[in-house]
Amino acid sequence: MSLDSIALLTLGTALLCAVLAVVGLRLYATGRERHRALVDRLSDDRGLPPGHGRRFSAVDRRLRATRFGRGLELRLAATGLDVTPGEFFVGLLAVVAGVWIVAQAVLAPFFGPIAAVAAVWSAYAFVNWQRQKRIEKFINQLPELSRILANATQAGLALRTALGMAAEELEAPAGEELAKVSDKLAVGHSLDEALDELAARLPSRELVVLVTTLVLANRAGGTVVGSLRNLTKTLEERKETRREVRTQLSQVVVTAYVVPFLGLGTLLLMNRIAPGAIDRMTATFPGQAAVVVACVLYAVGFFVIRRISKIDV
């Protein structure tokens, strides 16, 4: 082989490598852009102008990669709040820092860490309260949901179509949650997987019974109208029973929240009557131990009262 042939072969190989490198870079850039667009869609950027992402997106991505972040994401999704795990985490850190500083300035430096712990607990209590509130609202919509599914299946519609129709007719949160189920079914998920995910987001006995009924009917085939009719009647009765129990226990629930605030109010009143009393009390170990024991006792009292007032129906 002559030198001219070798030179042409080398030049051709170099040009081919350059073309392949350009194509590879182009594919990499396109894939990266598609990945970013997919992440933005999965982050649920509702109400934001085009080209803008959620705040603290870097923190959110790192947090979602952890087990703690995935659990937090599931809890926030069940609340219906338009907050990402990253936004919640950064906001919680800001609140904890602010509460720590305020407690040190108003009460004493010793109360800073205690106030920070109380702020973290309050944040998670708020998330659980929002989640339970949404679950309760969803449970109240279950009789109507069961009725719509029974009417749709009796009219000859498939269960998937009936779920989509119920998502359009029902208000939030049932409409939103069923829309997610319909979206899952539209992209190829099985009915069992979509309904199990719904039951995991909004755990309740009533929803588990409904999901089990629908899954068994979908697997075994046959009519599901009779089961849904009976289930509708049962859900209506449970709805009334839950309302009566909640009304009877409302005073006990209020007492559970009043007791800790009475202790805090007494502490502030004592410091108001004798300025500097809290500083002198927390300057010694016995005083600090007394404050910690008092906080623990108030917390135990709160949880005991809540436990007593918690009746599963």
Protein backbone atom coordinates (compact mmCIF):
# COMPACT_ATOMS: atom_id res chain seq x y z
CA MET A 1 0.00 0.00 0.00
CA SER A 2 1.41 3.36 -1.03
CA LEU A 3 1.92 6.33 1.23
CA ASP A 4 -0.83 8.24 -0.59
CA SER A 5 -3.32 5.45 0.17
CA ILE A 6 -2.33 5.35 3.81
CA ALA A 7 -2.68 9.13 4.07
CA LEU A 8 -6.14 9.03 2.46
CA LEU A 9 -7.22 6.17 4.76
CA THR A 10 -5.99 8.08 7.82
CA LEU A 11 -7.73 11.25 6.68
CA GLY A 12 -10.96 9.37 6.04
CA THR A 13 -10.82 7.67 9.42
CA ALA A 14 -10.22 11.01 11.14
CA LEU A 15 -13.16 12.59 9.31
CA LEU A 16 -15.39 9.64 10.24
CA CYS A 17 -14.38 9.95 13.89
CA ALA A 18 -15.09 13.67 13.81
CA VAL A 19 -18.53 13.09 12.30
CA LEU A 20 -19.31 10.41 14.89
CA ALA A 21 -18.15 12.73 17.68
CA VAL A 22 -20.41 15.52 16.44
CA VAL A 23 -23.36 13.14 16.16
CA GLY A 24 -22.64 11.77 19.65
CA LEU A 25 -22.49 15.24 21.17
CA ARG A 26 -25.73 16.13 19.41
CA LEU A 27 -27.48 13.03 20.73
CA TYR A 28 -26.12 13.69 24.21
CA ALA A 29 -27.38 17.29 24.20
CA THR A 30 -30.79 16.21 22.89
CA GLY A 31 -31.09 13.48 25.52
CA ARG A 32 -30.06 15.84 28.27
CA GLU A 33 -32.66 18.37 27.17
CA ARG A 34 -35.37 15.71 27.06
CA HIS A 35 -34.34 14.49 30.51
CA ARG A 36 -34.58 18.03 31.88
CA ALA A 37 -38.02 18.47 30.32
CA LEU A 38 -39.17 15.15 31.81
CA VAL A 39 -37.89 16.14 35.26
CA ASP A 40 -39.77 19.44 34.99
CA ARG A 41 -42.99 17.65 34.11
CA LEU A 42 -42.59 15.13 36.92
CA SER A 43 -41.92 17.97 39.34
CA ASP A 44 -45.44 19.20 38.56
CA ASP A 45 -44.64 22.79 37.59
CA ARG A 46 -48.23 24.03 37.58
CA GLY A 47 -48.87 27.74 37.32
CA LEU A 48 -45.28 28.69 36.44
CA PRO A 49 -44.31 30.62 33.29
CA PRO A 50 -42.53 28.69 30.52
CA GLY A 51 -38.81 28.19 31.07
CA HIS A 52 -39.02 28.56 34.84
CA GLY A 53 -38.57 25.69 37.30
CA ARG A 54 -39.49 25.17 40.89
CA ARG A 55 -37.48 26.86 43.58
CA PHE A 56 -34.59 24.93 45.14
CA SER A 57 -34.66 22.37 42.31
CA ALA A 58 -31.10 21.21 43.10
CA VAL A 59 -32.03 20.48 46.73
CA ASP A 60 -35.21 18.80 45.54
CA ARG A 61 -33.35 16.44 43.18
CA ARG A 62 -30.86 15.43 45.86
CA LEU A 63 -33.61 14.98 48.42
CA ARG A 64 -35.73 12.80 46.13
CA ALA A 65 -32.76 10.46 45.71
CA THR A 66 -32.90 9.55 49.42
CA ARG A 67 -35.35 7.34 51.25
CA PHE A 68 -36.34 10.24 53.48
CA GLY A 69 -37.07 12.42 50.44
CA ARG A 70 -39.22 9.76 48.76
CA GLY A 71 -41.24 9.30 51.93
CA LEU A 72 -41.66 13.05 52.27
CA GLU A 73 -42.72 13.31 48.64
CA LEU A 74 -45.40 10.67 49.19
CA ARG A 75 -46.72 12.50 52.25
CA LEU A 76 -46.79 15.85 50.48
CA ALA A 77 -48.55 14.31 47.49
CA ALA A 78 -51.27 13.03 49.81
CA THR A 79 -51.83 16.52 51.25
CA GLY A 80 -52.66 18.08 47.88
CA LEU A 81 -50.32 21.01 48.60
CA ASP A 82 -48.35 22.42 45.67
CA VAL A 83 -45.03 22.04 47.49
CA THR A 84 -42.02 19.97 46.48
CA PRO A 85 -39.86 18.12 49.04
CA GLY A 86 -37.02 20.58 48.39
CA GLU A 87 -39.22 23.61 49.02
CA PHE A 88 -40.63 22.05 52.18
CA PHE A 89 -37.17 21.14 53.49
CA VAL A 90 -35.66 24.59 52.87
CA GLY A 91 -38.74 26.31 54.29
CA LEU A 92 -38.58 24.10 57.37
CA LEU A 93 -34.92 25.01 57.92
CA ALA A 94 -35.78 28.72 57.65
CA VAL A 95 -38.66 28.38 60.13
CA VAL A 96 -36.52 26.40 62.58
CA ALA A 97 -33.80 29.05 62.47
CA GLY A 98 -36.33 31.87 62.95
CA VAL A 99 -38.09 30.14 65.84
CA TRP A 100 -34.75 29.39 67.50
CA ILE A 101 -33.72 33.06 67.36
CA VAL A 102 -37.10 34.33 68.56
CA ALA A 103 -37.21 31.86 71.48
CA GLN A 104 -33.74 32.91 72.57
CA ALA A 105 -34.67 36.59 72.43
CA VAL A 106 -38.09 36.36 74.09
CA LEU A 107 -37.51 33.61 76.67
CA ALA A 108 -33.92 32.44 77.22
CA PRO A 109 -31.08 30.88 75.20
CA PHE A 110 -31.94 27.50 76.72
CA PHE A 111 -35.32 27.51 74.95
CA GLY A 112 -33.79 27.87 71.47
CA PRO A 113 -33.22 24.14 70.80
CA ILE A 114 -36.53 23.25 72.45
CA ALA A 115 -38.38 25.69 70.20
CA ALA A 116 -36.54 24.28 67.15
CA VAL A 117 -37.61 20.73 68.01
CA ALA A 118 -41.17 21.96 68.56
CA ALA A 119 -41.08 23.69 65.16
CA VAL A 120 -39.99 20.50 63.38
CA TRP A 121 -42.69 18.50 65.14
CA SER A 122 -45.29 21.17 64.32
CA ALA A 123 -44.32 21.12 60.63
CA TYR A 124 -44.75 17.36 60.38
CA ALA A 125 -47.93 17.56 62.44
CA PHE A 126 -49.28 20.11 59.96
CA VAL A 127 -48.42 17.83 57.03
CA ASN A 128 -50.11 14.88 58.74
CA TRP A 129 -53.13 17.05 59.55
CA GLN A 130 -53.44 18.18 55.93
CA ARG A 131 -53.02 14.59 54.79
CA GLN A 132 -55.64 13.28 57.20
CA LYS A 133 -57.98 16.11 56.28
CA ARG A 134 -57.72 15.22 52.60
CA ILE A 135 -58.19 11.53 53.39
CA GLU A 136 -61.34 12.33 55.36
CA LYS A 137 -62.69 14.40 52.49
CA PHE A 138 -61.90 11.60 50.07
CA ILE A 139 -63.65 9.07 52.32
CA ASN A 140 -66.74 11.26 52.35
CA GLN A 141 -66.74 11.13 48.54
CA LEU A 142 -66.41 7.34 48.37
CA PRO A 143 -70.18 6.64 48.48
CA GLU A 144 -70.70 8.93 45.50
CA LEU A 145 -67.72 7.38 43.73
CA SER A 146 -69.05 3.89 44.31
CA ARG A 147 -72.45 4.97 43.02
CA ILE A 148 -70.97 6.45 39.84
CA LEU A 149 -68.93 3.31 39.18
CA ALA A 150 -71.98 1.10 39.75
CA ASN A 151 -74.11 3.14 37.34
CA ALA A 152 -71.36 3.22 34.72
CA THR A 153 -70.68 -0.51 34.85
CA GLN A 154 -74.41 -1.24 34.79
CA ALA A 155 -74.64 0.83 31.61
CA GLY A 156 -72.04 -1.46 30.02
CA LEU A 157 -68.94 0.71 30.34
CA ALA A 158 -65.57 -0.82 31.11
CA LEU A 159 -64.10 -0.23 34.55
CA ARG A 160 -61.27 1.90 33.11
CA THR A 161 -63.79 4.12 31.33
CA ALA A 162 -65.91 4.33 34.48
CA LEU A 163 -62.91 5.54 36.49
CA GLY A 164 -62.18 8.23 33.91
CA MET A 165 -65.80 9.37 33.96
CA ALA A 166 -65.78 9.52 37.77
CA ALA A 167 -62.60 11.62 37.63
CA GLU A 168 -64.39 14.18 35.47
CA GLU A 169 -67.59 14.32 37.55
CA LEU A 170 -66.20 14.35 41.10
CA GLU A 171 -64.61 17.34 42.78
CA ALA A 172 -61.22 17.36 44.48
CA PRO A 173 -59.68 15.36 46.03
CA ALA A 174 -61.46 12.34 44.50
CA GLY A 175 -61.42 13.87 41.03
CA GLU A 176 -57.70 14.66 41.20
CA GLU A 177 -56.77 11.24 42.55
CA LEU A 178 -58.86 9.38 39.99
CA ALA A 179 -57.33 11.54 37.25
CA LYS A 180 -53.92 10.27 38.37
CA VAL A 181 -55.25 6.71 38.18
CA SER A 182 -56.56 7.35 34.65
CA ASP A 183 -53.20 8.81 33.63
CA LYS A 184 -51.44 5.71 34.96
CA LEU A 185 -53.79 3.48 32.99
CA ALA A 186 -53.28 5.57 29.85
CA VAL A 187 -49.49 5.05 29.88
CA GLY A 188 -49.73 1.27 30.27
CA HIS A 189 -49.96 0.58 33.99
CA SER A 190 -52.28 -2.19 35.07
CA LEU A 191 -55.46 -1.47 36.98
CA ASP A 192 -54.08 -3.29 40.03
CA GLU A 193 -50.95 -1.13 40.13
CA ALA A 194 -52.82 2.16 39.67
CA LEU A 195 -55.39 1.37 42.37
CA ASP A 196 -52.77 0.05 44.80
CA GLU A 197 -50.82 3.29 44.38
CA LEU A 198 -54.01 5.24 45.12
CA ALA A 199 -54.56 3.21 48.29
CA ALA A 200 -50.94 3.88 49.33
CA ARG A 201 -51.34 7.66 48.86
CA LEU A 202 -54.61 7.88 50.79
CA PRO A 203 -54.67 4.94 53.23
CA SER A 204 -58.06 4.16 54.75
CA ARG A 205 -60.15 1.08 55.41
CA GLU A 206 -62.96 2.28 53.17
CA LEU A 207 -60.67 2.86 50.20
CA VAL A 208 -58.95 -0.50 50.73
CA VAL A 209 -62.34 -2.22 50.58
CA LEU A 210 -63.29 -0.36 47.40
CA VAL A 211 -59.93 -1.07 45.75
CA THR A 212 -60.11 -4.75 46.71
CA THR A 213 -63.62 -4.99 45.27
CA LEU A 214 -62.58 -3.40 41.98
CA VAL A 215 -59.38 -5.46 41.68
CA LEU A 216 -61.14 -8.75 42.35
CA ALA A 217 -63.92 -7.87 39.91
CA ASN A 218 -61.35 -6.97 37.27
CA ARG A 219 -59.44 -10.22 37.76
CA ALA A 220 -62.37 -12.61 38.07
CA GLY A 221 -64.64 -10.87 35.59
CA GLY A 222 -68.40 -10.87 35.83
CA THR A 223 -70.68 -8.15 37.10
CA VAL A 224 -69.53 -5.76 39.78
CA VAL A 225 -72.75 -3.78 40.01
CA GLY A 226 -74.22 -5.72 42.94
CA SER A 227 -71.03 -5.46 44.98
CA LEU A 228 -70.77 -1.72 44.35
CA ARG A 229 -74.41 -1.18 45.29
CA ASN A 230 -73.92 -2.95 48.62
CA LEU A 231 -70.64 -1.14 49.16
CA THR A 232 -72.32 2.22 48.54
CA LYS A 233 -74.86 1.55 51.28
CA THR A 234 -72.14 0.40 53.69
CA LEU A 235 -70.01 3.47 53.00
CA GLU A 236 -72.95 5.76 53.64
CA GLU A 237 -73.56 4.14 57.03
CA ARG A 238 -69.87 4.35 57.97
CA LYS A 239 -69.82 8.00 56.90
CA GLU A 240 -72.64 8.85 59.33
CA THR A 241 -71.01 6.83 62.12
CA ARG A 242 -67.68 8.60 61.66
CA ARG A 243 -69.41 11.99 61.77
CA GLU A 244 -71.16 11.13 65.06
CA VAL A 245 -67.95 9.85 66.66
CA ARG A 246 -66.02 12.94 65.57
CA THR A 247 -68.69 15.21 67.03
CA GLN A 248 -68.67 13.37 70.36
CA LEU A 249 -64.88 13.58 70.68
CA SER A 250 -64.43 17.19 69.53
CA GLN A 251 -64.16 18.52 73.11
CA VAL A 252 -61.47 15.97 73.99
CA VAL A 253 -59.47 16.90 70.89
CA VAL A 254 -59.59 20.60 71.78
CA THR A 255 -58.41 19.78 75.30
CA ALA A 256 -55.35 17.99 73.92
CA TYR A 257 -54.23 21.17 72.16
CA VAL A 258 -55.17 23.57 74.98
CA VAL A 259 -53.07 21.85 77.65
CA PRO A 260 -49.61 22.58 76.10
CA PHE A 261 -50.59 26.19 75.36
CA LEU A 262 -51.61 26.65 78.98
CA GLY A 263 -48.09 25.66 80.05
CA LEU A 264 -46.49 28.07 77.57
CA GLY A 265 -48.85 30.85 78.63
CA THR A 266 -48.01 30.25 82.29
CA LEU A 267 -44.31 30.49 81.48
CA LEU A 268 -44.73 33.79 79.63
CA LEU A 269 -46.95 35.17 82.40
CA MET A 270 -44.37 34.27 85.04
CA ASN A 271 -41.65 36.04 83.06
CA ARG A 272 -43.96 39.05 82.64
CA ILE A 273 -44.64 39.33 86.37
CA ALA A 274 -41.00 38.81 87.36
CA PRO A 275 -38.75 39.92 84.48
CA GLY A 276 -35.67 37.75 84.12
CA ALA A 277 -37.19 34.83 86.04
CA ILE A 278 -36.78 32.45 83.12
CA ASP A 279 -33.14 33.43 82.63
CA ARG A 280 -32.38 32.79 86.31
CA MET A 281 -34.31 29.51 86.25
CA THR A 282 -32.50 28.12 83.19
CA ALA A 283 -29.08 29.30 84.37
CA THR A 284 -28.75 26.29 86.69
CA PHE A 285 -28.90 22.58 85.99
CA PRO A 286 -31.91 21.89 88.30
CA GLY A 287 -33.88 24.63 86.54
CA GLN A 288 -32.99 23.25 83.11
CA ALA A 289 -33.92 19.74 84.21
CA ALA A 290 -37.26 21.01 85.53
CA VAL A 291 -38.03 22.70 82.19
CA VAL A 292 -37.14 19.56 80.23
CA VAL A 293 -39.25 17.36 82.53
CA ALA A 294 -42.18 19.78 82.24
CA CYS A 295 -41.95 19.78 78.42
CA VAL A 296 -41.82 15.98 78.37
CA LEU A 297 -44.84 15.73 80.67
CA TYR A 298 -46.84 18.15 78.53
CA ALA A 299 -45.91 16.17 75.42
CA VAL A 300 -46.90 12.89 77.10
CA GLY A 301 -50.20 14.41 78.21
CA PHE A 302 -50.89 15.61 74.67
CA PHE A 303 -50.21 12.20 73.12
CA VAL A 304 -52.17 10.35 75.80
CA ILE A 305 -55.24 12.55 75.30
CA ARG A 306 -54.95 12.18 71.51
CA ARG A 307 -54.61 8.45 71.91
CA ILE A 308 -57.68 8.23 74.08
CA SER A 309 -59.70 10.32 71.63
CA LYS A 310 -58.59 8.26 68.62
CA ILE A 311 -61.30 5.72 67.88
CA ASP A 312 -61.10 3.73 64.66
CA VAL A 313 -64.50 3.21 63.12
